[in-house]
C-alpha atoms as a PDB file:
ATOM      1  CA  MET A   1     126.747 148.664 -39.966  1.00  0.00           C
ATOM      2  CA  ASN A   2     122.833 148.980 -38.466  1.00  0.00           C
ATOM      3  CA  GLU A   3     121.389 152.304 -37.439  1.00  0.00           C
ATOM      4  CA  GLN A   4     121.680 151.661 -33.780  1.00  0.00           C
ATOM      5  CA  ARG A   5     125.586 150.862 -33.763  1.00  0.00           C
ATOM      6  CA  LYS A   6     125.809 154.222 -35.760  1.00  0.00           C
ATOM      7  CA  ASP A   7     124.136 156.200 -32.803  1.00  0.00           C
ATOM      8  CA  ILE A   8     126.345 154.265 -30.517  1.00  0.00           C
ATOM      9  CA  LEU A   9     129.357 155.377 -32.174  1.00  0.00           C
ATOM     10  CA  GLY A  10     128.239 158.686 -32.983  1.00  0.00           C
ATOM     11  CA  MET A  11     127.358 159.281 -29.128  1.00  0.00           C
ATOM     12  CA  LEU A  12     130.750 158.186 -28.472  1.00  0.00           C
ATOM     13  CA  ALA A  13     132.382 160.794 -31.429  1.00  0.00           C
ATOM     14  CA  GLU A  14     130.856 163.803 -29.969  1.00  0.00           C
ATOM     15  CA  GLY A  15     131.919 162.593 -26.220  1.00  0.00           C
ATOM     16  CA  LYS A  16     128.782 161.788 -24.763  1.00  0.00           C
ATOM     17  CA  ILE A  17     129.525 158.486 -23.702  1.00  0.00           C
ATOM     18  CA  THR A  18     133.104 157.113 -22.913  1.00  0.00           C
ATOM     19  CA  VAL A  19     134.676 154.316 -24.924  1.00  0.00           C
ATOM     20  CA  GLU A  20     133.706 151.881 -22.172  1.00  0.00           C
ATOM     21  CA  GLU A  21     130.117 152.339 -22.374  1.00  0.00           C
ATOM     22  CA  ALA A  22     130.040 152.553 -26.008  1.00  0.00           C
ATOM     23  CA  GLU A  23     131.494 148.794 -25.565  1.00  0.00           C
ATOM     24  CA  GLN A  24     128.834 148.000 -22.967  1.00  0.00           C
ATOM     25  CA  LEU A  25     125.921 149.052 -25.681  1.00  0.00           C
ATOM     26  CA  ILE A  26     127.487 147.267 -28.408  1.00  0.00           C
ATOM     27  CA  ALA A  27     127.811 144.281 -26.800  1.00  0.00           C
ATOM     28  CA  ALA A  28     124.629 144.527 -25.811  1.00  0.00           C
ATOM     29  CA  LEU A  29     122.939 144.959 -29.199  1.00  0.00           C
ATOM     30  CA  GLU A  30     125.087 141.905 -30.084  1.00  0.00           C
ATOM     31  CA  ARG A  31     123.173 139.823 -27.404  1.00  0.00           C
ATOM     32  CA  ASP A  32     119.711 140.931 -28.249  1.00  0.00           C
ATOM     33  CA  GLN A  33     120.654 140.352 -31.962  1.00  0.00           C
ATOM     34  CA  PRO A  34     118.482 137.300 -32.846  1.00  0.00           C
ATOM     35  CA  PRO A  35     120.164 134.279 -33.697  1.00  0.00           C
ATOM     36  CA  THR A  36     120.203 133.000 -37.828  1.00  0.00           C
ATOM     37  CA  ALA A  37     118.531 130.541 -38.768  1.00  0.00           C
ATOM     38  CA  ALA A  38     121.955 129.010 -40.373  1.00  0.00           C
ATOM     39  CA  SER A  39     123.796 129.713 -37.367  1.00  0.00           C
ATOM     40  CA  PRO A  40     124.688 126.579 -35.552  1.00  0.00           C
ATOM     41  CA  THR A  41     124.707 127.886 -31.971  1.00  0.00           C
ATOM     42  CA  ALA A  42     121.083 128.829 -32.498  1.00  0.00           C
ATOM     43  CA  ARG A  43     118.943 127.761 -29.493  1.00  0.00           C
ATOM     44  CA  PRO A  44     115.590 127.250 -29.560  1.00  0.00           C
ATOM     45  CA  LYS A  45     113.393 130.004 -27.627  1.00  0.00           C
ATOM     46  CA  GLY A  46     113.444 129.617 -23.640  1.00  0.00           C
ATOM     47  CA  LYS A  47     111.242 130.592 -20.851  1.00  0.00           C
ATOM     48  CA  LYS A  48     109.671 134.037 -21.250  1.00  0.00           C
ATOM     49  CA  TYR A  49     108.073 135.337 -18.136  1.00  0.00           C
ATOM     50  CA  LEU A  50     108.482 134.886 -14.408  1.00  0.00           C
ATOM     51  CA  ARG A  51     105.705 134.002 -12.702  1.00  0.00           C
ATOM     52  CA  VAL A  52     104.235 134.481  -9.219  1.00  0.00           C
ATOM     53  CA  VAL A  53     100.873 133.107  -8.339  1.00  0.00           C
ATOM     54  CA  MET A  54      99.235 133.042  -4.819  1.00  0.00           C
ATOM     55  CA  GLU A  55      95.907 131.919  -3.874  1.00  0.00           C
ATOM     56  CA  PHE A  56      95.187 132.951  -0.210  1.00  0.00           C
ATOM     57  CA  LEU A  57      92.024 133.142   1.958  1.00  0.00           C
ATOM     58  CA  GLU A  58      91.841 136.859   4.003  1.00  0.00           C
ATOM     59  CA  ASN A  59      88.815 136.993   6.389  1.00  0.00           C
ATOM     60  CA  GLY A  60      86.827 133.761   4.910  1.00  0.00           C
ATOM     61  CA  GLU A  61      86.718 134.675   1.361  1.00  0.00           C
ATOM     62  CA  SER A  62      89.633 133.555  -1.445  1.00  0.00           C
ATOM     63  CA  SER A  63      91.963 135.886  -3.340  1.00  0.00           C
ATOM     64  CA  ARG A  64      94.379 135.448  -5.833  1.00  0.00           C
ATOM     65  CA  LEU A  65      97.533 137.537  -6.532  1.00  0.00           C
ATOM     66  CA  ASN A  66      99.501 136.374 -10.346  1.00  0.00           C
ATOM     67  CA  VAL A  67     101.654 138.141 -11.654  1.00  0.00           C
ATOM     68  CA  ARG A  68     103.936 137.837 -15.166  1.00  0.00           C
ATOM     69  CA  VAL A  69     107.070 139.966 -15.244  1.00  0.00           C
ATOM     70  CA  PRO A  70     108.977 139.650 -18.740  1.00  0.00           C
ATOM     71  CA  LEU A  71     112.394 138.084 -18.249  1.00  0.00           C
ATOM     72  CA  GLN A  72     113.411 141.098 -20.951  1.00  0.00           C
ATOM     73  CA  LEU A  73     112.626 143.164 -18.299  1.00  0.00           C
ATOM     74  CA  LEU A  74     115.323 141.784 -16.309  1.00  0.00           C
ATOM     75  CA  ARG A  75     117.757 141.905 -19.143  1.00  0.00           C
ATOM     76  CA  ALA A  76     117.288 145.556 -19.746  1.00  0.00           C
ATOM     77  CA  GLY A  77     117.654 146.437 -16.346  1.00  0.00           C
ATOM     78  CA  VAL A  78     120.846 144.985 -15.872  1.00  0.00           C
ATOM     79  CA  GLN A  79     122.028 146.536 -18.718  1.00  0.00           C
ATOM     80  CA  LEU A  80     121.070 150.052 -18.202  1.00  0.00           C
ATOM     81  CA  ALA A  81     122.514 149.519 -14.382  1.00  0.00           C
ATOM     82  CA  ALA A  82     125.663 149.458 -16.463  1.00  0.00           C
ATOM     83  CA  LEU A  83     125.487 153.115 -17.243  1.00  0.00           C
ATOM     84  CA  ILE A  84     124.533 154.535 -14.142  1.00  0.00           C
ATOM     85  CA  PRO A  85     128.079 156.291 -12.707  1.00  0.00           C
ATOM     86  CA  ALA A  86     129.773 154.904 -10.152  1.00  0.00           C
ATOM     87  CA  PRO A  87     128.439 157.157  -7.634  1.00  0.00           C
ATOM     88  CA  ALA A  88     125.461 156.819  -8.216  1.00  0.00           C
ATOM     89  CA  LEU A  89     125.368 153.240  -7.474  1.00  0.00           C
ATOM     90  CA  ASP A  90     127.474 153.705  -4.474  1.00  0.00           C
ATOM     91  CA  LYS A  91     124.269 155.708  -2.941  1.00  0.00           C
ATOM     92  CA  ALA A  92     122.128 152.976  -4.371  1.00  0.00           C
ATOM     93  CA  ASN A  93     124.028 150.374  -2.284  1.00  0.00           C
ATOM     94  CA  ALA A  94     124.353 152.320   0.903  1.00  0.00           C
ATOM     95  CA  ALA A  95     120.601 152.930   0.830  1.00  0.00           C
ATOM     96  CA  LEU A  96     119.923 148.882  -0.531  1.00  0.00           C
ATOM     97  CA  ASP A  97     122.122 147.665   3.091  1.00  0.00           C
ATOM     98  CA  LYS A  98     120.351 150.105   5.029  1.00  0.00           C
ATOM     99  CA  SER A  99     117.305 148.739   4.108  1.00  0.00           C
ATOM    100  CA  GLY A 100     118.461 145.404   4.959  1.00  0.00           C
ATOM    101  CA  VAL A 101     119.463 144.406   1.117  1.00  0.00           C
ATOM    102  CA  PRO A 102     122.724 143.684   1.067  1.00  0.00           C
ATOM    103  CA  ILE A 103     122.897 143.059  -2.623  1.00  0.00           C
ATOM    104  CA  ASP A 104     126.231 144.945  -4.749  1.00  0.00           C
ATOM    105  CA  LEU A 105     124.952 146.715  -7.561  1.00  0.00           C
ATOM    106  CA  THR A 106     128.648 146.876  -8.978  1.00  0.00           C
ATOM    107  CA  GLN A 107     128.699 143.298  -9.389  1.00  0.00           C
ATOM    108  CA  LEU A 108     125.059 142.823 -11.742  1.00  0.00           C
ATOM    109  CA  LYS A 109     126.891 141.324 -14.872  1.00  0.00           C
ATOM    110  CA  PRO A 110     124.138 140.395 -17.977  1.00  0.00           C
ATOM    111  CA  GLU A 111     126.460 137.121 -18.728  1.00  0.00           C
ATOM    112  CA  GLN A 112     125.330 136.485 -14.700  1.00  0.00           C
ATOM    113  CA  LEU A 113     121.588 136.705 -15.507  1.00  0.00           C
ATOM    114  CA  GLU A 114     121.928 134.816 -18.466  1.00  0.00           C
ATOM    115  CA  ALA A 115     122.853 132.187 -16.414  1.00  0.00           C
ATOM    116  CA  LEU A 116     120.342 133.001 -13.732  1.00  0.00           C
ATOM    117  CA  VAL A 117     117.670 132.798 -16.603  1.00  0.00           C
ATOM    118  CA  GLU A 118     118.943 129.660 -18.144  1.00  0.00           C
ATOM    119  CA  HIS A 119     118.276 128.000 -14.984  1.00  0.00           C
ATOM    120  CA  LEU A 120     115.048 129.397 -13.964  1.00  0.00           C
ATOM    121  CA  ASP A 121     113.474 126.812 -16.586  1.00  0.00           C
ATOM    122  CA  GLU A 122     114.407 124.100 -13.790  1.00  0.00           C
ATOM    123  CA  ALA A 123     113.421 126.032 -10.903  1.00  0.00           C
ATOM    124  CA  ILE A 124     109.848 126.099  -9.119  1.00  0.00           C
ATOM    125  CA  VAL A 125     109.514 127.128  -5.678  1.00  0.00           C
ATOM    126  CA  GLU A 126     105.817 126.075  -4.460  1.00  0.00           C
ATOM    127  CA  LEU A 127     104.673 126.829  -0.968  1.00  0.00           C
ATOM    128  CA  GLU A 128     101.532 124.864   0.655  1.00  0.00           C
ATOM    129  CA  GLN A 129      99.789 126.497   3.690  1.00  0.00           C
ATOM    130  CA  PRO A 130      96.179 125.807   4.919  1.00  0.00           C
ATOM    131  CA  ASP A 131      95.215 128.833   3.821  1.00  0.00           C
ATOM    132  CA  GLY A 132      96.835 129.219   0.867  1.00  0.00           C
ATOM    133  CA  HIS A 133      99.724 128.702  -1.432  1.00  0.00           C
ATOM    134  CA  LEU A 134     102.617 129.916  -3.562  1.00  0.00           C
ATOM    135  CA  ARG A 135     104.016 129.035  -6.921  1.00  0.00           C
ATOM    136  CA  VAL A 136     106.872 130.916  -8.633  1.00  0.00           C
ATOM    137  CA  PHE A 137     108.134 129.581 -11.744  1.00  0.00           C
ATOM    138  CA  CYS A 138     108.532 130.673 -15.578  1.00  0.00           C
ATOM    139  CA  GLU A 139     106.873 130.204 -18.701  1.00  0.00           C
END
């Protein structure tokens, strides 16, 4: 048994987390384990970053925005969201909705994010304008 699993079980035994939270953490650990070479389901490594590149003219000068977000950061965020208490999620959902972002954080599941990440390999968004262009892709 690895050290992280022992820590989770220790927190459960001490009453610091619930059984459901312990199950979620252990499931997250298992997902994050690198596949072994002998594993028949081992997949080749996919894309690691979500990139947003924008070049535009502003007051006659060329400007560039280049953002690279690790996909692992998105995965970690979803896993952490599973540990947020329901009342806090309700407040966050209300604030998002009030700001015009109708997202229900209680529906965000790690499995859904993995499906999204798999399909990001195929997705490229490009916008060409006379004063610049925008490109969103994975690498």
